[in-house]
N, C-alpha and C. Protein backbone atom coordinates (compact mmCIF):
# COMPACT_ATOMS: atom_id res chain seq x y z
N HIS A 1 -3.50 83.19 -70.54
CA HIS A 1 -3.54 83.87 -69.62
C HIS A 1 -3.01 83.25 -68.35
N ASN A 2 -2.29 83.91 -67.47
CA ASN A 2 -1.78 83.35 -66.48
C ASN A 2 -2.05 84.10 -65.14
N PRO A 3 -3.11 83.82 -64.47
CA PRO A 3 -3.43 84.65 -63.25
C PRO A 3 -2.39 84.76 -62.09
N ALA A 4 -1.42 83.67 -62.10
CA ALA A 4 -0.43 83.73 -61.25
C ALA A 4 0.81 84.73 -61.50
N GLU A 5 0.84 85.14 -62.76
CA GLU A 5 1.91 86.15 -63.01
C GLU A 5 1.48 87.48 -62.38
N GLU A 6 2.61 88.18 -62.14
CA GLU A 6 2.40 89.49 -61.79
C GLU A 6 1.66 90.43 -62.72
N LEU A 7 0.71 91.19 -62.11
CA LEU A 7 -0.11 91.84 -63.07
C LEU A 7 0.62 93.04 -63.79
N ASN A 8 0.53 92.88 -65.25
CA ASN A 8 1.19 94.12 -65.85
C ASN A 8 0.02 94.70 -66.79
N HIS A 9 -0.73 95.47 -66.47
CA HIS A 9 -1.85 96.14 -67.22
C HIS A 9 -1.21 96.78 -68.44
N ASN A 10 0.00 97.22 -68.63
CA ASN A 10 0.30 97.84 -69.79
C ASN A 10 0.32 96.98 -70.96
N GLN A 11 0.64 95.58 -70.77
CA GLN A 11 0.43 94.55 -71.96
C GLN A 11 -1.08 94.44 -72.29
N ILE A 12 -2.02 94.46 -71.19
CA ILE A 12 -3.24 94.47 -71.37
C ILE A 12 -3.84 95.63 -72.21
N LYS A 13 -3.48 96.73 -71.89
CA LYS A 13 -3.94 98.06 -72.13
C LYS A 13 -3.63 98.21 -73.82
N ARG A 14 -2.72 97.57 -74.30
CA ARG A 14 -2.26 97.72 -75.71
C ARG A 14 -3.48 97.26 -76.71
N HIS A 15 -4.26 96.38 -76.11
CA HIS A 15 -5.53 95.92 -76.81
C HIS A 15 -6.62 96.96 -76.92
N ILE A 16 -6.51 98.18 -76.07
CA ILE A 16 -7.57 99.18 -75.99
C ILE A 16 -7.16 100.33 -76.89
N PRO A 17 -7.93 100.51 -77.99
CA PRO A 17 -7.59 101.66 -78.76
C PRO A 17 -7.96 103.08 -77.96
N GLU A 18 -7.21 103.26 -76.77
CA GLU A 18 -7.53 104.47 -75.92
C GLU A 18 -7.49 105.80 -76.56
N GLN A 19 -6.58 106.11 -77.40
CA GLN A 19 -6.49 107.25 -78.08
C GLN A 19 -7.58 107.62 -79.03
N THR A 20 -7.93 106.57 -79.68
CA THR A 20 -9.06 106.91 -80.67
C THR A 20 -10.27 106.94 -80.01
N PHE A 21 -10.63 106.29 -78.73
CA PHE A 21 -11.71 106.42 -78.02
C PHE A 21 -11.71 107.69 -77.21
N ASN A 22 -10.62 108.12 -76.59
CA ASN A 22 -10.47 109.42 -75.96
C ASN A 22 -10.78 110.54 -76.96
N ASN A 23 -10.33 110.51 -78.24
CA ASN A 23 -10.52 111.55 -79.25
C ASN A 23 -12.13 111.63 -79.36
N ILE A 24 -12.84 110.46 -79.56
CA ILE A 24 -14.22 110.61 -79.68
C ILE A 24 -14.98 111.19 -78.73
N VAL A 25 -14.51 110.64 -77.48
CA VAL A 25 -15.22 111.24 -76.09
C VAL A 25 -15.08 112.77 -76.10
N ASP A 26 -13.72 113.30 -76.25
CA ASP A 26 -13.55 114.63 -76.09
C ASP A 26 -14.19 115.31 -77.13
N ASP A 27 -14.25 114.95 -78.48
CA ASP A 27 -14.85 115.67 -79.53
C ASP A 27 -16.39 115.73 -79.29
N LYS A 28 -17.12 114.61 -78.97
CA LYS A 28 -18.49 114.52 -78.80
C LYS A 28 -19.06 115.10 -77.68
N THR A 29 -18.24 115.36 -76.31
CA THR A 29 -18.85 115.87 -75.35
C THR A 29 -18.42 117.38 -75.16
N ARG A 30 -17.67 117.84 -76.05
CA ARG A 30 -17.33 119.28 -75.90
C ARG A 30 -18.45 120.18 -75.56
N GLU A 31 -19.60 120.14 -76.37
CA GLU A 31 -20.66 121.02 -76.17
C GLU A 31 -21.93 120.34 -75.84
N PHE A 32 -21.83 119.08 -75.12
CA PHE A 32 -23.04 118.20 -74.78
C PHE A 32 -23.44 118.63 -73.56
N VAL A 33 -24.99 118.70 -73.77
CA VAL A 33 -25.64 119.10 -72.58
C VAL A 33 -27.24 118.51 -72.63
N GLY A 34 -27.58 118.45 -71.51
CA GLY A 34 -28.99 117.93 -71.30
C GLY A 34 -29.20 116.20 -71.46
N ARG A 35 -30.27 115.88 -72.11
CA ARG A 35 -30.60 114.56 -72.24
C ARG A 35 -30.89 113.83 -70.83
N GLU A 36 -31.17 114.54 -69.75
CA GLU A 36 -31.19 113.82 -68.50
C GLU A 36 -32.34 112.80 -68.44
N TYR A 37 -33.40 112.98 -69.28
CA TYR A 37 -34.45 112.04 -69.14
C TYR A 37 -34.03 110.63 -69.89
N ILE A 38 -33.08 110.77 -70.75
CA ILE A 38 -32.44 109.40 -71.31
C ILE A 38 -31.80 108.65 -70.29
N TYR A 39 -30.87 109.48 -69.47
CA TYR A 39 -29.87 108.84 -68.40
C TYR A 39 -30.97 108.24 -67.44
N ASP A 40 -32.16 108.98 -67.13
CA ASP A 40 -32.91 108.42 -66.06
C ASP A 40 -33.59 107.01 -66.40
N GLN A 41 -33.99 107.24 -67.75
CA GLN A 41 -34.53 105.74 -68.27
C GLN A 41 -33.55 104.65 -68.19
N ILE A 42 -32.37 104.88 -68.69
CA ILE A 42 -31.22 104.02 -68.55
C ILE A 42 -31.17 103.36 -67.11
N ASP A 43 -30.94 104.45 -66.36
CA ASP A 43 -30.94 103.99 -64.76
C ASP A 43 -32.04 103.23 -64.40
N GLU A 44 -33.19 103.66 -64.75
CA GLU A 44 -34.38 102.68 -64.29
C GLU A 44 -34.45 101.22 -64.77
N TYR A 45 -33.83 101.15 -66.00
CA TYR A 45 -33.74 99.78 -66.47
C TYR A 45 -32.66 98.99 -65.66
N LEU A 46 -31.46 99.77 -65.46
CA LEU A 46 -30.60 99.13 -64.82
C LEU A 46 -30.80 98.73 -63.33
N LYS A 47 -31.68 99.46 -62.83
CA LYS A 47 -32.02 99.08 -61.35
C LYS A 47 -33.45 98.22 -61.29
N ASP A 48 -33.87 97.90 -62.47
CA ASP A 48 -35.28 97.19 -62.50
C ASP A 48 -34.96 95.65 -62.23
N GLU A 49 -35.31 95.01 -60.96
CA GLU A 49 -35.03 93.71 -60.78
C GLU A 49 -35.57 92.67 -61.80
N SER A 50 -36.49 93.07 -62.71
CA SER A 50 -37.08 92.20 -63.89
C SER A 50 -36.20 92.37 -64.99
N PHE A 51 -35.19 93.10 -64.98
CA PHE A 51 -34.00 93.42 -66.05
C PHE A 51 -32.65 92.98 -65.36
N PRO A 52 -32.50 91.72 -65.11
CA PRO A 52 -31.15 91.42 -64.55
C PRO A 52 -30.05 91.60 -65.44
N SER A 53 -30.22 91.17 -66.91
CA SER A 53 -29.07 91.53 -67.78
C SER A 53 -29.88 91.43 -69.14
N GLY A 54 -29.03 92.12 -70.04
CA GLY A 54 -29.71 92.17 -71.49
C GLY A 54 -29.14 93.31 -72.13
N TYR A 55 -29.77 93.69 -73.05
CA TYR A 55 -29.41 94.93 -73.94
C TYR A 55 -30.44 96.00 -73.80
N ILE A 56 -29.83 97.33 -73.85
CA ILE A 56 -30.68 98.39 -74.03
C ILE A 56 -30.11 99.01 -75.33
N ILE A 57 -31.07 99.11 -76.16
CA ILE A 57 -30.59 99.66 -77.56
C ILE A 57 -31.21 101.00 -77.71
N LEU A 58 -30.33 101.81 -78.16
CA LEU A 58 -30.61 103.28 -78.44
C LEU A 58 -30.58 103.46 -80.05
N LYS A 59 -31.76 103.64 -80.66
CA LYS A 59 -31.83 103.78 -81.97
C LYS A 59 -32.25 105.10 -82.36
N GLY A 60 -31.90 105.49 -83.69
CA GLY A 60 -32.18 106.90 -84.01
C GLY A 60 -31.67 107.39 -85.38
N GLU A 61 -32.17 108.32 -85.92
CA GLU A 61 -31.52 108.73 -87.19
C GLU A 61 -30.11 109.24 -87.02
N PRO A 62 -29.25 109.13 -88.12
CA PRO A 62 -27.79 109.63 -88.06
C PRO A 62 -27.89 111.10 -87.58
N GLY A 63 -26.93 111.60 -86.69
CA GLY A 63 -26.77 112.89 -86.41
C GLY A 63 -27.52 113.39 -85.19
N ILE A 64 -28.35 112.51 -84.58
CA ILE A 64 -29.30 113.13 -83.45
C ILE A 64 -28.46 113.06 -82.02
N GLY A 65 -27.29 112.58 -82.02
CA GLY A 65 -26.40 112.52 -80.71
C GLY A 65 -26.35 111.21 -80.03
N LYS A 66 -26.43 110.23 -80.73
CA LYS A 66 -26.29 108.82 -80.13
C LYS A 66 -24.87 108.62 -79.60
N THR A 67 -24.01 109.02 -80.42
CA THR A 67 -22.54 108.93 -80.01
C THR A 67 -22.24 109.75 -78.96
N ALA A 68 -22.72 111.02 -79.06
CA ALA A 68 -22.57 111.97 -77.95
C ALA A 68 -23.28 111.70 -76.70
N LEU A 69 -24.21 111.07 -76.66
CA LEU A 69 -24.78 110.48 -75.47
C LEU A 69 -24.02 109.40 -74.92
N MET A 70 -23.55 108.55 -75.65
CA MET A 70 -22.53 107.41 -75.20
C MET A 70 -21.33 107.83 -74.62
N SER A 71 -20.89 108.80 -75.41
CA SER A 71 -19.42 109.67 -75.01
C SER A 71 -19.68 110.10 -73.60
N ASN A 72 -20.66 110.86 -73.42
CA ASN A 72 -20.98 111.52 -72.07
C ASN A 72 -21.16 110.46 -70.99
N LEU A 73 -21.74 109.46 -71.21
CA LEU A 73 -21.78 108.13 -70.22
C LEU A 73 -20.56 107.59 -69.99
N VAL A 74 -19.57 107.63 -71.02
CA VAL A 74 -18.31 107.16 -70.88
C VAL A 74 -17.42 108.08 -69.92
N ARG A 75 -17.67 109.34 -70.15
CA ARG A 75 -16.90 110.39 -69.40
C ARG A 75 -17.38 110.47 -67.97
N LYS A 76 -18.71 110.58 -67.86
CA LYS A 76 -19.23 110.55 -66.48
C LYS A 76 -19.21 109.24 -65.53
N ARG A 77 -19.57 108.15 -66.21
CA ARG A 77 -19.84 106.90 -65.57
C ARG A 77 -18.50 106.01 -65.68
N LYS A 78 -17.66 106.36 -66.44
CA LYS A 78 -16.44 105.36 -66.74
C LYS A 78 -16.70 103.97 -67.02
N TRP A 79 -17.87 103.86 -67.80
CA TRP A 79 -18.33 102.28 -68.19
C TRP A 79 -17.36 102.05 -69.26
N ILE A 80 -17.28 100.81 -69.40
CA ILE A 80 -16.59 100.04 -70.37
C ILE A 80 -17.20 100.33 -71.77
N HIS A 81 -16.50 100.63 -72.83
CA HIS A 81 -16.96 100.95 -73.96
C HIS A 81 -16.21 100.51 -75.24
N HIS A 82 -16.83 100.77 -76.33
CA HIS A 82 -16.24 100.44 -77.60
C HIS A 82 -16.97 101.28 -78.79
N PHE A 83 -16.08 102.03 -79.47
CA PHE A 83 -16.66 103.01 -80.56
C PHE A 83 -16.37 102.19 -81.91
N VAL A 84 -17.22 101.86 -82.73
CA VAL A 84 -17.03 101.07 -83.87
C VAL A 84 -16.61 102.24 -84.84
N THR A 85 -15.25 102.13 -85.27
CA THR A 85 -14.81 103.15 -86.37
C THR A 85 -13.87 102.41 -87.16
N GLU A 86 -13.46 103.05 -88.23
CA GLU A 86 -12.43 102.38 -89.13
C GLU A 86 -11.19 102.06 -88.28
N GLY A 87 -10.78 100.89 -88.31
CA GLY A 87 -9.79 100.40 -87.52
C GLY A 87 -10.03 99.62 -86.14
N THR A 88 -11.43 99.98 -85.84
CA THR A 88 -11.93 99.30 -84.43
C THR A 88 -13.25 98.57 -84.93
N ASP A 89 -13.38 98.11 -86.24
CA ASP A 89 -14.62 97.66 -86.64
C ASP A 89 -14.70 96.10 -86.71
N SER A 90 -13.57 95.39 -86.27
CA SER A 90 -13.75 93.88 -86.34
C SER A 90 -14.12 93.29 -85.12
N THR A 91 -14.59 92.15 -85.11
CA THR A 91 -15.00 91.34 -83.99
C THR A 91 -13.88 91.06 -83.23
N GLU A 92 -12.81 90.70 -83.57
CA GLU A 92 -11.53 90.43 -82.74
C GLU A 92 -11.05 91.70 -82.07
N ILE A 93 -10.99 92.78 -82.72
CA ILE A 93 -10.58 94.06 -81.90
C ILE A 93 -11.46 94.36 -80.94
N PHE A 94 -12.79 94.15 -81.24
CA PHE A 94 -13.82 94.50 -80.20
C PHE A 94 -13.57 93.83 -78.88
N LEU A 95 -13.53 92.41 -79.17
CA LEU A 95 -13.44 91.46 -78.09
C LEU A 95 -12.21 91.64 -77.22
N ALA A 96 -11.08 91.88 -78.05
CA ALA A 96 -9.86 92.07 -77.16
C ALA A 96 -9.95 93.38 -76.42
N SER A 97 -10.52 94.41 -76.96
CA SER A 97 -10.73 95.61 -76.36
C SER A 97 -11.66 95.47 -74.91
N ILE A 98 -12.74 94.83 -75.17
CA ILE A 98 -13.49 94.47 -74.05
C ILE A 98 -13.04 93.57 -73.02
N CYS A 99 -12.29 92.61 -73.35
CA CYS A 99 -11.68 91.70 -72.34
C CYS A 99 -10.62 92.58 -71.59
N SER A 100 -9.85 93.53 -72.31
CA SER A 100 -8.80 94.22 -71.61
C SER A 100 -9.49 95.18 -70.69
N GLN A 101 -10.41 95.99 -71.22
CA GLN A 101 -11.12 96.86 -70.26
C GLN A 101 -11.63 96.18 -69.00
N LEU A 102 -12.39 94.99 -69.05
CA LEU A 102 -12.95 94.43 -67.86
C LEU A 102 -11.62 94.14 -67.08
N ILE A 103 -10.60 93.39 -67.48
CA ILE A 103 -9.41 93.14 -66.68
C ILE A 103 -8.87 94.44 -66.03
N VAL A 104 -8.68 95.57 -66.59
CA VAL A 104 -8.13 96.81 -66.05
C VAL A 104 -9.15 97.39 -65.13
N LYS A 105 -10.44 97.58 -65.33
CA LYS A 105 -11.35 98.18 -64.58
C LYS A 105 -11.71 97.36 -63.28
N TYR A 106 -11.86 96.15 -63.44
CA TYR A 106 -12.14 95.40 -62.24
C TYR A 106 -10.99 94.72 -61.72
N GLU A 107 -9.72 95.14 -62.07
CA GLU A 107 -8.54 94.61 -61.55
C GLU A 107 -8.54 93.22 -61.43
N LEU A 108 -8.78 92.55 -62.50
CA LEU A 108 -8.85 91.14 -62.57
C LEU A 108 -7.44 90.59 -62.70
N PRO A 109 -7.30 89.32 -62.11
CA PRO A 109 -5.83 88.69 -62.14
C PRO A 109 -5.28 88.18 -63.37
N TYR A 110 -5.17 88.89 -64.57
CA TYR A 110 -4.71 88.45 -65.74
C TYR A 110 -3.77 89.38 -66.27
N SER A 111 -2.59 88.94 -66.78
CA SER A 111 -1.54 89.67 -67.18
C SER A 111 -1.54 89.96 -68.71
N LYS A 112 -2.34 88.94 -69.22
CA LYS A 112 -2.44 88.92 -70.80
C LYS A 112 -3.78 88.24 -71.38
N LEU A 113 -4.01 88.47 -72.61
CA LEU A 113 -5.22 87.67 -72.91
C LEU A 113 -4.82 86.37 -73.27
N PRO A 114 -5.73 85.43 -73.40
CA PRO A 114 -5.48 83.94 -73.76
C PRO A 114 -4.75 83.85 -75.09
N GLU A 115 -3.68 83.07 -75.01
CA GLU A 115 -2.95 82.66 -76.04
C GLU A 115 -3.69 81.57 -76.85
N CYS A 116 -3.81 81.66 -78.19
CA CYS A 116 -4.44 80.69 -79.07
C CYS A 116 -4.01 81.07 -80.55
N GLN A 117 -4.34 80.35 -81.43
CA GLN A 117 -4.08 80.33 -82.83
C GLN A 117 -4.99 81.49 -83.22
N PRO A 118 -4.38 82.44 -84.32
CA PRO A 118 -5.21 83.53 -84.78
C PRO A 118 -6.68 83.23 -85.16
N ASP A 119 -6.75 82.19 -85.74
CA ASP A 119 -8.13 81.73 -86.25
C ASP A 119 -8.94 81.42 -85.24
N GLN A 120 -8.58 81.17 -83.88
CA GLN A 120 -9.38 80.91 -82.87
C GLN A 120 -9.61 81.96 -81.82
N ARG A 121 -8.96 83.16 -82.10
CA ARG A 121 -9.24 84.37 -81.17
C ARG A 121 -10.62 84.70 -80.91
N ILE A 122 -11.43 84.74 -81.79
CA ILE A 122 -12.82 85.32 -81.78
C ILE A 122 -13.33 84.33 -80.70
N LEU A 123 -13.36 83.02 -80.92
CA LEU A 123 -14.25 82.20 -80.07
C LEU A 123 -13.52 82.05 -78.75
N THR A 124 -12.13 82.13 -78.58
CA THR A 124 -11.47 82.12 -77.31
C THR A 124 -11.74 83.40 -76.51
N TYR A 125 -11.86 84.55 -77.18
CA TYR A 125 -12.12 85.67 -76.37
C TYR A 125 -13.62 85.72 -75.94
N ARG A 126 -14.40 85.46 -76.77
CA ARG A 126 -15.80 85.27 -76.36
C ARG A 126 -16.11 84.33 -75.22
N ASN A 127 -15.45 83.12 -75.12
CA ASN A 127 -15.43 82.26 -73.92
C ASN A 127 -14.74 82.75 -72.91
N PHE A 128 -13.66 83.45 -73.04
CA PHE A 128 -12.96 84.19 -71.97
C PHE A 128 -13.86 85.28 -71.38
N ILE A 129 -14.61 86.07 -72.04
CA ILE A 129 -15.55 87.07 -71.48
C ILE A 129 -16.58 86.34 -70.74
N ASP A 130 -17.37 85.45 -71.45
CA ASP A 130 -18.63 84.63 -70.77
C ASP A 130 -18.17 83.92 -69.58
N GLU A 131 -17.07 83.10 -69.59
CA GLU A 131 -16.96 82.11 -68.54
C GLU A 131 -15.90 82.69 -67.42
N ASP A 132 -15.15 83.64 -67.73
CA ASP A 132 -14.18 84.27 -66.73
C ASP A 132 -14.40 85.62 -66.32
N LEU A 133 -14.28 86.64 -67.22
CA LEU A 133 -14.20 87.96 -67.08
C LEU A 133 -15.62 88.45 -66.45
N LEU A 134 -16.72 88.16 -67.05
CA LEU A 134 -17.99 88.67 -66.63
C LEU A 134 -18.24 88.23 -65.21
N PRO A 135 -18.26 86.99 -65.05
CA PRO A 135 -18.63 86.61 -63.76
C PRO A 135 -17.67 87.20 -62.69
N GLN A 136 -16.57 87.25 -62.95
CA GLN A 136 -15.49 87.91 -62.00
C GLN A 136 -15.77 89.35 -61.73
N ALA A 137 -16.14 90.05 -62.77
CA ALA A 137 -16.55 91.45 -62.63
C ALA A 137 -17.75 91.70 -61.80
N ILE A 138 -18.79 90.71 -62.26
CA ILE A 138 -20.01 90.91 -61.50
C ILE A 138 -20.02 90.58 -59.97
N GLU A 139 -18.95 89.64 -59.85
CA GLU A 139 -18.74 89.23 -58.33
C GLU A 139 -18.15 90.41 -57.53
N LYS A 140 -17.13 91.13 -58.29
CA LYS A 140 -16.72 92.41 -57.56
C LYS A 140 -17.60 93.45 -57.32
N VAL A 141 -18.62 93.66 -58.15
CA VAL A 141 -19.49 94.76 -57.91
C VAL A 141 -20.83 94.40 -57.07
N LYS A 142 -20.93 93.23 -56.82
CA LYS A 142 -22.33 92.78 -56.40
C LYS A 142 -22.76 93.37 -55.04
N ASP A 143 -21.73 93.68 -54.27
CA ASP A 143 -22.05 94.22 -52.79
C ASP A 143 -21.94 95.75 -52.85
N ASN A 144 -21.70 96.47 -53.98
CA ASN A 144 -21.45 97.74 -53.85
C ASN A 144 -22.99 98.46 -54.09
N LYS A 145 -23.27 99.19 -52.98
CA LYS A 145 -24.68 99.64 -52.87
C LYS A 145 -24.84 100.75 -53.98
N GLU A 146 -23.76 101.50 -54.27
CA GLU A 146 -23.94 102.72 -55.33
C GLU A 146 -24.01 102.30 -56.71
N ASP A 147 -23.11 101.38 -57.14
CA ASP A 147 -23.03 100.85 -58.57
C ASP A 147 -22.66 99.34 -58.49
N ASN A 148 -23.69 98.58 -58.59
CA ASN A 148 -23.60 97.13 -58.63
C ASN A 148 -23.76 96.55 -59.99
N THR A 149 -23.57 97.33 -61.23
CA THR A 149 -23.81 96.92 -62.41
C THR A 149 -22.47 96.90 -63.35
N VAL A 150 -22.45 95.95 -64.20
CA VAL A 150 -21.43 95.89 -65.27
C VAL A 150 -21.95 96.29 -66.58
N VAL A 151 -21.60 97.29 -67.13
CA VAL A 151 -22.13 97.94 -68.32
C VAL A 151 -21.07 98.08 -69.29
N ILE A 152 -21.46 97.62 -70.47
CA ILE A 152 -20.56 97.68 -71.70
C ILE A 152 -21.35 98.45 -72.89
N LEU A 153 -20.74 99.56 -73.11
CA LEU A 153 -21.37 100.51 -74.24
C LEU A 153 -20.87 100.15 -75.40
N VAL A 154 -21.55 100.05 -76.57
CA VAL A 154 -21.17 99.83 -77.94
C VAL A 154 -21.90 100.81 -78.86
N ASP A 155 -21.05 101.66 -79.49
CA ASP A 155 -21.59 102.55 -80.47
C ASP A 155 -21.16 102.07 -81.98
N ALA A 156 -22.29 102.50 -82.69
CA ALA A 156 -22.14 102.14 -84.18
C ALA A 156 -22.00 100.72 -84.46
N LEU A 157 -22.83 99.88 -83.62
CA LEU A 157 -22.74 98.38 -84.01
C LEU A 157 -23.26 98.04 -85.41
N ASP A 158 -23.96 98.97 -86.04
CA ASP A 158 -24.40 98.51 -87.44
C ASP A 158 -23.20 98.82 -88.44
N GLU A 159 -21.98 99.46 -87.87
CA GLU A 159 -21.07 99.60 -88.89
C GLU A 159 -19.90 98.58 -88.67
N ALA A 160 -20.09 97.65 -87.73
CA ALA A 160 -19.01 96.67 -87.61
C ALA A 160 -18.99 95.64 -88.78
N LYS A 161 -17.89 95.08 -89.09
CA LYS A 161 -17.63 94.08 -89.99
C LYS A 161 -18.23 92.78 -89.37
N ARG A 162 -18.68 92.21 -90.24
CA ARG A 162 -19.31 90.80 -89.89
C ARG A 162 -18.13 89.72 -89.86
N SER A 163 -18.25 88.93 -88.93
CA SER A 163 -17.12 87.72 -88.96
C SER A 163 -17.81 86.47 -89.45
N PRO A 164 -17.22 85.75 -90.17
CA PRO A 164 -17.84 84.34 -90.52
C PRO A 164 -18.34 83.53 -89.32
N LEU A 165 -17.80 83.81 -88.14
CA LEU A 165 -18.16 83.05 -86.82
C LEU A 165 -19.44 83.69 -86.40
N ASP A 166 -20.10 84.72 -86.83
CA ASP A 166 -21.09 85.35 -86.28
C ASP A 166 -22.30 84.44 -86.14
N GLY A 167 -22.71 83.94 -87.26
CA GLY A 167 -23.91 83.03 -87.35
C GLY A 167 -25.01 83.82 -86.91
N GLU A 168 -25.55 83.32 -85.90
CA GLU A 168 -26.91 83.95 -85.26
C GLU A 168 -26.77 84.88 -84.30
N LEU A 169 -25.35 85.09 -83.75
CA LEU A 169 -24.88 85.89 -82.74
C LEU A 169 -25.03 87.40 -83.12
N ASN A 170 -25.03 88.20 -82.32
CA ASN A 170 -25.11 89.85 -82.65
C ASN A 170 -23.68 90.08 -83.25
N ILE A 171 -23.60 91.06 -83.99
CA ILE A 171 -22.41 91.09 -84.97
C ILE A 171 -21.02 91.31 -84.23
N LEU A 172 -20.91 91.52 -82.97
CA LEU A 172 -19.64 91.45 -82.21
C LEU A 172 -19.59 90.42 -81.34
N GLY A 173 -20.49 89.52 -81.22
CA GLY A 173 -20.32 88.33 -80.31
C GLY A 173 -20.82 88.72 -78.95
């Protein structure tokens, strides 16, 4: 990645399965209503100073509306997101999509993802997120009184393919 290059988010956006994700959001939010108490609980966690970072896990039986809830959060709050589906279920695709969405949403100075050997992409993208993208995104939002959080939504995590590099990490790194 070359921060000095002129930004070209079109190259970055090719790593985001936008059409797949837009189709899911459109389908799942078509008749979605209610659930305000869940949004309120999420907001409480995000505003709680004793919860500066971490995971909020929404668990439930298939078909109760977890994907619809997440789709509605994507639509209303424009949070970074990844829906694990056939074709978007690998660690590499997930990490490339999240890197790209962070760059685009927070207007970070990168015109492409880090170059590396294909067998090094997962580790390279994980490091890029942890060491470069998340700190820069957090820095950009820290003074925003209305929204000073960086949120990444992941749907159907249990359906993701495991990578040999996962080890003890969560399935998508």
